[in-house]
């Protein structure tokens, strides 16, 4: 069976982010055909067109990290009914300069958790609009808005609620199916 490299981007810059815990859980619950690795965004400077002629090394490394994976998972909190500024900044770096959009044709999925009962639904909708513009095929058939409660996910990424674990495992299985389907139609450039 083919193994697919999946990069995950955590939208929160906080070291204590509950979305970082969710990302750890997804790594544990992913099928063996998916190899997950974090693509950090913390050190990216604010994007400006002034950089287009010569990206700083951190931005070049970031784009290369995205290039090195077969698909992406965006694990995002909701800030002020939208996506965090750091995540939008990372997407701007990934999609610029014009004509060098590394997100184009890259299968992607969106997920998030928050203490609120709608679990990042509005942020995810906002993020989907941005990724759609970037021509990133999105897994839309399964949405995941996780309401976080203390103790739901341990520091090492173990989900303590059986129903949530089952749901997230199914989400990752659906992601695997989606990646296979997209990359069958839009093969990787090898």
N, C-alpha and C. Protein backbone atom coordinates (compact mmCIF):
# COMPACT_ATOMS: atom_id res chain seq x y z
N UNK A 1 0.82 -1.18 0.00
CA UNK A 1 0.00 0.00 0.00
C UNK A 1 0.87 1.25 0.00
N UNK A 2 0.40 2.25 -0.70
CA UNK A 2 1.12 3.51 -0.76
C UNK A 2 1.01 4.26 0.56
N UNK A 3 2.08 4.92 0.93
CA UNK A 3 2.07 5.79 2.10
C UNK A 3 2.06 7.23 1.62
N UNK A 4 1.27 8.05 2.27
CA UNK A 4 1.16 9.45 1.89
C UNK A 4 1.67 10.32 3.03
N UNK A 5 2.49 11.29 2.67
CA UNK A 5 2.99 12.25 3.64
C UNK A 5 1.97 13.37 3.77
N UNK A 6 1.53 13.60 5.00
CA UNK A 6 0.53 14.62 5.27
C UNK A 6 1.13 15.63 6.24
N UNK A 7 1.23 16.88 5.79
CA UNK A 7 1.69 17.93 6.68
C UNK A 7 0.50 18.51 7.42
N UNK A 8 0.71 18.85 8.67
CA UNK A 8 -0.37 19.53 9.38
C UNK A 8 0.13 20.88 9.88
N UNK A 9 -0.74 21.86 9.75
CA UNK A 9 -0.45 23.22 10.17
C UNK A 9 -1.42 23.57 11.29
N UNK A 10 -0.87 23.89 12.45
CA UNK A 10 -1.69 24.29 13.59
C UNK A 10 -1.84 25.80 13.53
N UNK A 11 -3.08 26.27 13.46
CA UNK A 11 -3.34 27.70 13.29
C UNK A 11 -2.99 28.55 14.49
N UNK A 12 -2.89 27.95 15.65
CA UNK A 12 -2.54 28.69 16.86
C UNK A 12 -1.03 28.70 17.06
N UNK A 13 -0.50 29.83 17.49
CA UNK A 13 0.92 29.93 17.79
C UNK A 13 1.22 29.56 19.24
N UNK A 14 0.20 29.35 20.05
CA UNK A 14 0.36 29.07 21.47
C UNK A 14 0.96 27.68 21.70
N UNK A 15 1.92 27.61 22.61
CA UNK A 15 2.52 26.32 22.97
C UNK A 15 1.53 25.44 23.73
N UNK A 16 0.49 26.03 24.30
CA UNK A 16 -0.51 25.27 25.05
C UNK A 16 -1.83 25.15 24.29
N UNK A 17 -1.77 25.28 22.99
CA UNK A 17 -2.96 25.24 22.14
C UNK A 17 -3.70 23.91 22.24
N UNK A 18 -5.01 23.98 22.41
CA UNK A 18 -5.82 22.76 22.38
C UNK A 18 -5.88 22.19 20.96
N UNK A 19 -5.66 23.02 19.95
CA UNK A 19 -5.62 22.52 18.58
C UNK A 19 -4.32 21.75 18.32
N UNK A 20 -3.26 22.10 19.02
CA UNK A 20 -2.02 21.32 18.93
C UNK A 20 -2.25 19.93 19.54
N UNK A 21 -3.02 19.88 20.64
CA UNK A 21 -3.39 18.58 21.22
C UNK A 21 -4.21 17.76 20.22
N UNK A 22 -5.15 18.42 19.55
CA UNK A 22 -5.96 17.74 18.54
C UNK A 22 -5.07 17.18 17.42
N UNK A 23 -4.09 17.96 16.99
CA UNK A 23 -3.18 17.48 15.94
C UNK A 23 -2.42 16.24 16.41
N UNK A 24 -1.98 16.24 17.66
CA UNK A 24 -1.30 15.05 18.21
C UNK A 24 -2.24 13.84 18.19
N UNK A 25 -3.50 14.08 18.54
CA UNK A 25 -4.48 12.99 18.52
C UNK A 25 -4.66 12.45 17.11
N UNK A 26 -4.72 13.33 16.13
CA UNK A 26 -4.89 12.89 14.74
C UNK A 26 -3.73 12.01 14.30
N UNK A 27 -2.52 12.35 14.74
CA UNK A 27 -1.36 11.50 14.42
C UNK A 27 -1.55 10.09 14.96
N UNK A 28 -2.06 9.97 16.19
CA UNK A 28 -2.27 8.66 16.80
C UNK A 28 -3.38 7.87 16.13
N UNK A 29 -4.39 8.58 15.63
CA UNK A 29 -5.57 7.91 15.10
C UNK A 29 -5.53 7.70 13.58
N UNK A 30 -4.51 8.21 12.93
CA UNK A 30 -4.41 8.09 11.47
C UNK A 30 -4.13 6.64 11.06
N UNK A 31 -4.66 6.24 9.91
CA UNK A 31 -4.31 4.91 9.40
C UNK A 31 -2.82 4.85 9.06
N UNK A 32 -2.28 3.66 9.01
CA UNK A 32 -0.83 3.50 8.79
C UNK A 32 -0.37 4.05 7.44
N UNK A 33 -1.29 4.24 6.51
CA UNK A 33 -0.92 4.77 5.19
C UNK A 33 -0.66 6.27 5.20
N UNK A 34 -0.98 6.93 6.31
CA UNK A 34 -0.75 8.38 6.42
C UNK A 34 0.37 8.65 7.41
N UNK A 35 1.37 9.37 6.96
CA UNK A 35 2.51 9.75 7.80
C UNK A 35 2.39 11.25 8.05
N UNK A 36 2.06 11.63 9.29
CA UNK A 36 1.82 13.04 9.62
C UNK A 36 3.06 13.71 10.20
N UNK A 37 3.28 14.95 9.78
CA UNK A 37 4.37 15.76 10.30
C UNK A 37 3.93 17.21 10.36
N UNK A 38 4.34 17.89 11.41
CA UNK A 38 3.95 19.30 11.56
C UNK A 38 4.78 20.19 10.65
N UNK A 39 4.11 21.17 10.07
CA UNK A 39 4.77 22.23 9.32
C UNK A 39 4.57 23.50 10.14
N UNK A 40 5.61 23.92 10.86
CA UNK A 40 5.45 25.06 11.77
C UNK A 40 5.32 26.39 11.03
N UNK A 41 4.57 27.31 11.67
CA UNK A 41 4.37 28.65 11.09
C UNK A 41 4.83 29.76 12.01
N UNK A 42 5.24 29.42 13.21
CA UNK A 42 5.57 30.40 14.25
C UNK A 42 6.60 31.45 13.82
N UNK A 43 7.61 31.08 13.08
CA UNK A 43 8.72 31.99 12.79
C UNK A 43 8.58 32.78 11.49
N UNK A 44 7.46 32.61 10.80
CA UNK A 44 7.26 33.37 9.56
C UNK A 44 7.05 34.85 9.87
N UNK A 45 7.78 35.74 9.20
CA UNK A 45 7.49 37.17 9.37
C UNK A 45 6.17 37.50 8.68
N UNK A 46 5.66 38.69 8.93
CA UNK A 46 4.45 39.11 8.23
C UNK A 46 4.75 39.21 6.74
N UNK A 47 3.87 38.61 5.93
CA UNK A 47 4.07 38.63 4.49
C UNK A 47 3.91 40.05 3.93
N UNK A 48 4.76 40.37 2.97
CA UNK A 48 4.67 41.61 2.20
C UNK A 48 5.17 41.32 0.79
N UNK A 49 4.57 41.98 -0.18
CA UNK A 49 5.04 41.82 -1.56
C UNK A 49 6.49 42.24 -1.71
N UNK A 50 7.00 43.01 -0.79
CA UNK A 50 8.40 43.41 -0.84
C UNK A 50 9.33 42.20 -0.83
N UNK A 51 8.86 41.08 -0.31
CA UNK A 51 9.67 39.86 -0.25
C UNK A 51 9.62 39.04 -1.54
N UNK A 52 8.71 39.35 -2.45
CA UNK A 52 8.48 38.48 -3.60
C UNK A 52 9.73 38.21 -4.44
N UNK A 53 10.60 39.18 -4.54
CA UNK A 53 11.81 38.99 -5.35
C UNK A 53 12.83 38.10 -4.64
N UNK A 54 12.76 38.04 -3.31
CA UNK A 54 13.75 37.27 -2.56
C UNK A 54 13.16 36.90 -1.20
N UNK A 55 12.50 35.74 -1.15
CA UNK A 55 11.91 35.27 0.11
C UNK A 55 12.98 35.04 1.16
N UNK A 56 12.69 35.35 2.44
CA UNK A 56 13.63 34.99 3.50
C UNK A 56 13.72 33.45 3.61
N UNK A 57 14.81 32.97 4.16
CA UNK A 57 15.05 31.53 4.23
C UNK A 57 13.91 30.80 4.95
N UNK A 58 13.40 31.37 6.03
CA UNK A 58 12.32 30.71 6.77
C UNK A 58 11.10 30.50 5.89
N UNK A 59 10.80 31.43 5.01
CA UNK A 59 9.65 31.29 4.11
C UNK A 59 9.95 30.28 3.00
N UNK A 60 11.18 30.27 2.51
CA UNK A 60 11.56 29.26 1.50
C UNK A 60 11.46 27.86 2.11
N UNK A 61 11.94 27.71 3.35
CA UNK A 61 11.86 26.41 4.02
C UNK A 61 10.41 25.99 4.23
N UNK A 62 9.57 26.95 4.60
CA UNK A 62 8.14 26.68 4.80
C UNK A 62 7.51 26.16 3.51
N UNK A 63 7.77 26.86 2.40
CA UNK A 63 7.19 26.43 1.12
C UNK A 63 7.73 25.07 0.70
N UNK A 64 9.01 24.81 0.99
CA UNK A 64 9.59 23.51 0.66
C UNK A 64 8.94 22.40 1.48
N UNK A 65 8.65 22.69 2.75
CA UNK A 65 7.98 21.70 3.60
C UNK A 65 6.62 21.33 3.04
N UNK A 66 5.90 22.30 2.52
CA UNK A 66 4.60 22.02 1.91
C UNK A 66 4.79 21.24 0.61
N UNK A 67 5.79 21.60 -0.14
CA UNK A 67 6.08 20.89 -1.38
C UNK A 67 6.42 19.42 -1.13
N UNK A 68 7.03 19.14 0.01
CA UNK A 68 7.48 17.78 0.33
C UNK A 68 6.36 16.83 0.78
N UNK A 69 5.15 17.36 1.01
CA UNK A 69 4.06 16.49 1.46
C UNK A 69 3.03 16.31 0.35
N UNK A 70 2.26 15.25 0.50
CA UNK A 70 1.23 14.94 -0.49
C UNK A 70 -0.08 15.67 -0.21
N UNK A 71 -0.31 16.02 1.05
CA UNK A 71 -1.58 16.64 1.45
C UNK A 71 -1.35 17.44 2.72
N UNK A 72 -2.37 18.26 3.06
CA UNK A 72 -2.29 19.11 4.25
C UNK A 72 -3.55 18.98 5.10
N UNK A 73 -3.35 19.09 6.42
CA UNK A 73 -4.46 19.25 7.35
C UNK A 73 -4.24 20.58 8.06
N UNK A 74 -5.26 21.41 8.05
CA UNK A 74 -5.24 22.68 8.77
C UNK A 74 -6.04 22.47 10.05
N UNK A 75 -5.35 22.58 11.20
CA UNK A 75 -5.97 22.39 12.51
C UNK A 75 -6.04 23.77 13.14
N UNK A 76 -7.24 24.35 13.14
CA UNK A 76 -7.31 25.77 13.49
C UNK A 76 -8.29 26.09 14.61
N UNK A 77 -7.89 27.03 15.46
CA UNK A 77 -8.86 27.60 16.40
C UNK A 77 -9.70 28.65 15.68
N UNK A 78 -10.62 29.23 16.42
CA UNK A 78 -11.42 30.33 15.89
C UNK A 78 -11.13 31.58 16.70
N UNK A 79 -10.63 32.60 16.02
CA UNK A 79 -10.35 33.89 16.66
C UNK A 79 -11.29 34.93 16.06
N UNK A 80 -12.12 35.54 16.87
CA UNK A 80 -13.02 36.60 16.41
C UNK A 80 -13.84 36.18 15.20
N UNK A 81 -14.38 34.96 15.26
CA UNK A 81 -15.23 34.42 14.20
C UNK A 81 -14.51 34.23 12.86
N UNK A 82 -13.20 34.00 12.91
CA UNK A 82 -12.44 33.76 11.69
C UNK A 82 -11.17 32.98 12.05
N UNK A 83 -10.27 32.88 11.09
CA UNK A 83 -9.01 32.18 11.32
C UNK A 83 -7.99 33.11 11.96
N UNK A 84 -7.06 32.57 12.72
CA UNK A 84 -6.02 33.39 13.34
C UNK A 84 -5.16 34.09 12.28
N UNK A 85 -4.68 35.27 12.63
CA UNK A 85 -3.83 36.03 11.71
C UNK A 85 -2.58 35.27 11.30
N UNK A 86 -1.98 34.52 12.22
CA UNK A 86 -0.77 33.75 11.90
C UNK A 86 -1.02 32.71 10.82
N UNK A 87 -2.19 32.08 10.85
CA UNK A 87 -2.54 31.08 9.83
C UNK A 87 -2.75 31.74 8.48
N UNK A 88 -3.48 32.87 8.47
CA UNK A 88 -3.69 33.58 7.20
C UNK A 88 -2.35 34.03 6.63
N UNK A 89 -1.46 34.51 7.49
CA UNK A 89 -0.13 34.92 7.06
C UNK A 89 0.62 33.74 6.41
N UNK A 90 0.54 32.56 7.02
CA UNK A 90 1.21 31.38 6.47
C UNK A 90 0.66 31.03 5.09
N UNK A 91 -0.66 31.12 4.95
CA UNK A 91 -1.26 30.84 3.64
C UNK A 91 -0.81 31.86 2.61
N UNK A 92 -0.69 33.11 3.02
CA UNK A 92 -0.19 34.13 2.10
C UNK A 92 1.22 33.79 1.63
N UNK A 93 2.10 33.39 2.55
CA UNK A 93 3.45 32.99 2.16
C UNK A 93 3.41 31.80 1.19
N UNK A 94 2.56 30.81 1.48
CA UNK A 94 2.49 29.60 0.66
C UNK A 94 1.98 29.88 -0.74
N UNK A 95 1.13 30.88 -0.88
CA UNK A 95 0.48 31.11 -2.18
C UNK A 95 1.12 32.24 -2.99
N UNK A 96 2.15 32.85 -2.50
CA UNK A 96 2.77 33.99 -3.18
C UNK A 96 4.21 33.67 -3.56
N UNK A 97 4.86 34.39 -4.46
CA UNK A 97 4.27 35.43 -5.30
C UNK A 97 3.33 34.81 -6.35
N UNK A 98 2.61 35.68 -7.03
CA UNK A 98 1.66 35.25 -8.03
C UNK A 98 2.34 34.24 -8.97
N UNK A 99 1.66 33.12 -9.22
CA UNK A 99 2.18 32.09 -10.10
C UNK A 99 3.02 31.04 -9.39
N UNK A 100 3.28 31.22 -8.10
CA UNK A 100 4.09 30.26 -7.33
C UNK A 100 3.33 29.75 -6.11
N UNK A 101 2.05 29.48 -6.30
CA UNK A 101 1.15 29.01 -5.25
C UNK A 101 1.39 27.53 -4.99
N UNK A 102 2.04 27.21 -3.88
CA UNK A 102 2.38 25.83 -3.55
C UNK A 102 1.16 25.04 -3.07
N UNK A 103 0.05 25.73 -2.79
CA UNK A 103 -1.17 25.06 -2.33
C UNK A 103 -2.02 24.53 -3.48
N UNK A 104 -1.79 25.02 -4.68
CA UNK A 104 -2.58 24.59 -5.83
C UNK A 104 -2.43 23.09 -6.04
N UNK A 105 -3.56 22.42 -6.18
CA UNK A 105 -3.64 20.97 -6.44
C UNK A 105 -3.19 20.12 -5.26
N UNK A 106 -2.97 20.73 -4.11
CA UNK A 106 -2.56 20.00 -2.90
C UNK A 106 -3.81 19.64 -2.10
N UNK A 107 -4.16 18.34 -1.99
CA UNK A 107 -5.34 17.96 -1.22
C UNK A 107 -5.24 18.49 0.21
N UNK A 108 -6.36 18.98 0.73
CA UNK A 108 -6.33 19.53 2.09
C UNK A 108 -7.61 19.21 2.84
N UNK A 109 -7.49 19.30 4.16
CA UNK A 109 -8.62 19.10 5.05
C UNK A 109 -8.55 20.13 6.16
N UNK A 110 -9.70 20.42 6.74
CA UNK A 110 -9.80 21.43 7.79
C UNK A 110 -10.48 20.79 9.00
N UNK A 111 -9.96 21.09 10.18
CA UNK A 111 -10.53 20.59 11.42
C UNK A 111 -10.15 21.58 12.52
N UNK A 112 -10.89 21.57 13.60
CA UNK A 112 -10.53 22.44 14.71
C UNK A 112 -11.32 22.12 15.96
N UNK A 113 -10.83 22.65 17.07
CA UNK A 113 -11.51 22.46 18.34
C UNK A 113 -11.54 23.77 19.11
N UNK A 114 -12.59 23.92 19.90
CA UNK A 114 -12.71 25.08 20.79
C UNK A 114 -13.61 24.68 21.95
N UNK A 115 -13.57 25.44 23.05
CA UNK A 115 -14.48 25.14 24.16
C UNK A 115 -15.95 25.40 23.81
N UNK A 116 -16.20 26.22 22.80
CA UNK A 116 -17.57 26.54 22.41
C UNK A 116 -18.27 25.38 21.73
N UNK A 117 -19.59 25.41 21.77
CA UNK A 117 -20.37 24.29 21.25
C UNK A 117 -20.36 24.18 19.73
N UNK A 118 -19.98 25.25 19.02
CA UNK A 118 -19.92 25.13 17.55
C UNK A 118 -18.50 24.81 17.08
N UNK A 119 -17.56 24.63 17.99
CA UNK A 119 -16.24 24.07 17.71
C UNK A 119 -15.53 24.54 16.45
N UNK A 120 -15.35 25.79 16.25
CA UNK A 120 -14.59 26.42 15.15
C UNK A 120 -15.31 26.39 13.80
N UNK A 121 -16.61 26.19 13.78
CA UNK A 121 -17.35 26.08 12.52
C UNK A 121 -17.20 27.33 11.65
N UNK A 122 -17.24 28.50 12.25
CA UNK A 122 -17.16 29.73 11.44
C UNK A 122 -15.74 29.94 10.92
N UNK A 123 -14.74 29.67 11.75
CA UNK A 123 -13.35 29.78 11.30
C UNK A 123 -13.09 28.81 10.15
N UNK A 124 -13.62 27.59 10.27
CA UNK A 124 -13.41 26.62 9.21
C UNK A 124 -14.05 27.07 7.90
N UNK A 125 -15.22 27.67 7.99
CA UNK A 125 -15.87 28.17 6.77
C UNK A 125 -15.03 29.26 6.13
N UNK A 126 -14.48 30.14 6.93
CA UNK A 126 -13.61 31.19 6.43
C UNK A 126 -12.37 30.59 5.77
N UNK A 127 -11.77 29.62 6.44
CA UNK A 127 -10.56 28.97 5.91
C UNK A 127 -10.86 28.24 4.60
N UNK A 128 -12.00 27.61 4.52
CA UNK A 128 -12.37 26.91 3.27
C UNK A 128 -12.44 27.88 2.10
N UNK A 129 -12.97 29.08 2.34
CA UNK A 129 -13.02 30.08 1.27
C UNK A 129 -11.63 30.48 0.80
N UNK A 130 -10.70 30.65 1.72
CA UNK A 130 -9.32 31.02 1.37
C UNK A 130 -8.66 29.88 0.59
N UNK A 131 -8.80 28.65 1.08
CA UNK A 131 -8.17 27.51 0.41
C UNK A 131 -8.79 27.25 -0.96
N UNK A 132 -10.08 27.49 -1.09
CA UNK A 132 -10.74 27.35 -2.40
C UNK A 132 -10.11 28.31 -3.40
N UNK A 133 -9.91 29.57 -2.98
CA UNK A 133 -9.27 30.54 -3.86
C UNK A 133 -7.86 30.09 -4.24
N UNK A 134 -7.18 29.42 -3.32
CA UNK A 134 -5.81 28.95 -3.57
C UNK A 134 -5.78 27.66 -4.40
N UNK A 135 -6.94 27.18 -4.84
CA UNK A 135 -7.06 26.01 -5.70
C UNK A 135 -6.57 24.73 -5.02
N UNK A 136 -6.80 24.64 -3.72
CA UNK A 136 -6.46 23.44 -2.97
C UNK A 136 -7.70 22.57 -2.86
N UNK A 137 -7.71 21.36 -3.44
CA UNK A 137 -8.88 20.49 -3.33
C UNK A 137 -9.17 20.19 -1.87
N UNK A 138 -10.41 20.43 -1.45
CA UNK A 138 -10.79 20.30 -0.04
C UNK A 138 -11.65 19.08 0.22
N UNK A 139 -11.36 18.38 1.32
CA UNK A 139 -12.24 17.30 1.76
C UNK A 139 -13.46 17.96 2.40
N UNK A 140 -14.58 17.87 1.74
CA UNK A 140 -15.80 18.50 2.23
C UNK A 140 -16.83 17.50 2.73
N UNK A 141 -16.64 16.22 2.42
CA UNK A 141 -17.67 15.23 2.74
C UNK A 141 -17.76 14.91 4.22
N UNK A 142 -16.74 15.26 4.99
CA UNK A 142 -16.79 15.04 6.43
C UNK A 142 -16.26 16.28 7.13
N UNK A 143 -17.11 16.91 7.90
CA UNK A 143 -16.70 18.09 8.64
C UNK A 143 -16.46 17.69 10.09
N UNK A 144 -15.57 18.42 10.77
CA UNK A 144 -15.23 18.07 12.14
C UNK A 144 -15.08 19.32 12.99
N UNK A 145 -16.09 19.56 13.81
CA UNK A 145 -16.10 20.70 14.72
C UNK A 145 -16.11 20.11 16.14
N UNK A 146 -14.96 20.07 16.76
CA UNK A 146 -14.80 19.37 18.02
C UNK A 146 -14.94 20.34 19.21
N UNK A 147 -15.87 20.06 20.08
CA UNK A 147 -16.01 20.85 21.30
C UNK A 147 -15.02 20.28 22.32
N UNK A 148 -14.10 21.12 22.75
CA UNK A 148 -13.05 20.68 23.68
C UNK A 148 -13.51 20.85 25.12
N UNK A 149 -13.26 19.81 25.89
CA UNK A 149 -13.51 19.86 27.32
C UNK A 149 -12.22 19.42 28.01
N UNK A 150 -11.91 19.99 29.17
CA UNK A 150 -10.68 19.60 29.87
C UNK A 150 -10.57 18.09 30.00
N UNK A 151 -9.40 17.57 29.66
CA UNK A 151 -9.15 16.14 29.74
C UNK A 151 -9.55 15.34 28.52
N UNK A 152 -10.16 15.98 27.52
CA UNK A 152 -10.58 15.25 26.32
C UNK A 152 -9.39 14.60 25.61
N UNK A 153 -8.27 15.34 25.54
CA UNK A 153 -7.06 14.85 24.88
C UNK A 153 -5.90 15.04 25.85
N UNK A 154 -5.15 13.99 26.08
CA UNK A 154 -4.01 14.07 26.99
C UNK A 154 -2.84 14.79 26.31
N UNK A 155 -1.84 15.15 27.09
CA UNK A 155 -0.67 15.86 26.55
C UNK A 155 0.05 15.07 25.47
N UNK A 156 -0.04 13.74 25.53
CA UNK A 156 0.62 12.93 24.50
C UNK A 156 -0.31 12.55 23.34
N UNK A 157 -1.50 13.17 23.31
CA UNK A 157 -2.38 13.00 22.16
C UNK A 157 -3.37 11.86 22.24
N UNK A 158 -3.59 11.30 23.40
CA UNK A 158 -4.57 10.23 23.54
C UNK A 158 -5.96 10.83 23.80
N UNK A 159 -6.95 10.39 23.03
CA UNK A 159 -8.32 10.87 23.21
C UNK A 159 -8.98 10.00 24.27
N UNK A 160 -9.54 10.65 25.30
CA UNK A 160 -10.09 9.92 26.44
C UNK A 160 -11.56 9.56 26.28
N UNK A 161 -12.24 10.14 25.33
CA UNK A 161 -13.65 9.85 25.07
C UNK A 161 -13.76 8.91 23.88
N UNK A 162 -14.34 7.74 24.08
CA UNK A 162 -14.39 6.72 23.03
C UNK A 162 -15.13 7.18 21.77
N UNK A 163 -16.24 7.89 21.94
CA UNK A 163 -17.00 8.35 20.77
C UNK A 163 -16.21 9.38 19.96
N UNK A 164 -15.51 10.28 20.66
CA UNK A 164 -14.68 11.26 19.96
C UNK A 164 -13.53 10.57 19.25
N UNK A 165 -12.90 9.61 19.90
CA UNK A 165 -11.80 8.87 19.27
C UNK A 165 -12.28 8.15 18.01
N UNK A 166 -13.45 7.52 18.10
CA UNK A 166 -14.02 6.82 16.95
C UNK A 166 -14.30 7.80 15.81
N UNK A 167 -14.87 8.95 16.14
CA UNK A 167 -15.17 9.96 15.13
C UNK A 167 -13.88 10.45 14.46
N UNK A 168 -12.86 10.75 15.24
CA UNK A 168 -11.60 11.26 14.68
C UNK A 168 -10.87 10.19 13.86
N UNK A 169 -10.95 8.94 14.29
CA UNK A 169 -10.34 7.85 13.51
C UNK A 169 -11.04 7.75 12.15
N UNK A 170 -12.37 7.86 12.17
CA UNK A 170 -13.13 7.82 10.92
C UNK A 170 -12.77 9.02 10.03
N UNK A 171 -12.61 10.18 10.65
CA UNK A 171 -12.20 11.39 9.91
C UNK A 171 -10.87 11.13 9.19
N UNK A 172 -9.92 10.53 9.89
CA UNK A 172 -8.61 10.27 9.28
C UNK A 172 -8.70 9.20 8.20
N UNK A 173 -9.56 8.22 8.36
CA UNK A 173 -9.78 7.23 7.31
C UNK A 173 -10.39 7.87 6.07
N UNK A 174 -11.36 8.77 6.29
CA UNK A 174 -11.95 9.50 5.17
C UNK A 174 -10.91 10.38 4.49
N UNK A 175 -10.02 10.99 5.27
CA UNK A 175 -8.95 11.79 4.68
C UNK A 175 -8.06 10.93 3.79
N UNK A 176 -7.74 9.74 4.25
CA UNK A 176 -6.92 8.84 3.43
C UNK A 176 -7.61 8.55 2.09
N UNK A 177 -8.89 8.22 2.16
CA UNK A 177 -9.66 7.94 0.93
C UNK A 177 -9.67 9.16 0.01
N UNK A 178 -9.86 10.33 0.60
CA UNK A 178 -9.88 11.57 -0.18
C UNK A 178 -8.54 11.82 -0.86
N UNK A 179 -7.44 11.64 -0.15
CA UNK A 179 -6.11 11.86 -0.73
C UNK A 179 -5.88 10.92 -1.90
N UNK A 180 -6.21 9.65 -1.72
CA UNK A 180 -6.05 8.68 -2.81
C UNK A 180 -6.86 9.12 -4.02
N UNK A 181 -8.10 9.52 -3.80
CA UNK A 181 -8.99 9.93 -4.90
C UNK A 181 -8.42 11.15 -5.63
N UNK A 182 -8.01 12.17 -4.88
CA UNK A 182 -7.49 13.39 -5.51
C UNK A 182 -6.20 13.11 -6.26
N UNK A 183 -5.30 12.36 -5.65
CA UNK A 183 -4.01 12.12 -6.30
C UNK A 183 -4.09 11.12 -7.44
N UNK A 184 -5.20 10.40 -7.55
CA UNK A 184 -5.44 9.57 -8.72
C UNK A 184 -5.79 10.45 -9.92
N UNK A 185 -6.55 11.49 -9.66
CA UNK A 185 -6.96 12.41 -10.73
C UNK A 185 -5.87 13.45 -11.00
N UNK A 186 -5.22 13.92 -9.95
CA UNK A 186 -4.17 14.94 -10.06
C UNK A 186 -2.87 14.34 -9.52
N UNK A 187 -2.20 13.49 -10.30
CA UNK A 187 -1.02 12.80 -9.78
C UNK A 187 0.07 13.76 -9.30
N UNK A 188 0.82 13.25 -8.32
CA UNK A 188 1.97 13.99 -7.80
C UNK A 188 3.00 14.16 -8.89
N UNK A 189 3.66 15.29 -8.89
CA UNK A 189 4.78 15.49 -9.79
C UNK A 189 6.00 14.84 -9.14
N UNK A 190 6.46 13.77 -9.75
CA UNK A 190 7.60 13.04 -9.16
C UNK A 190 8.86 13.37 -9.91
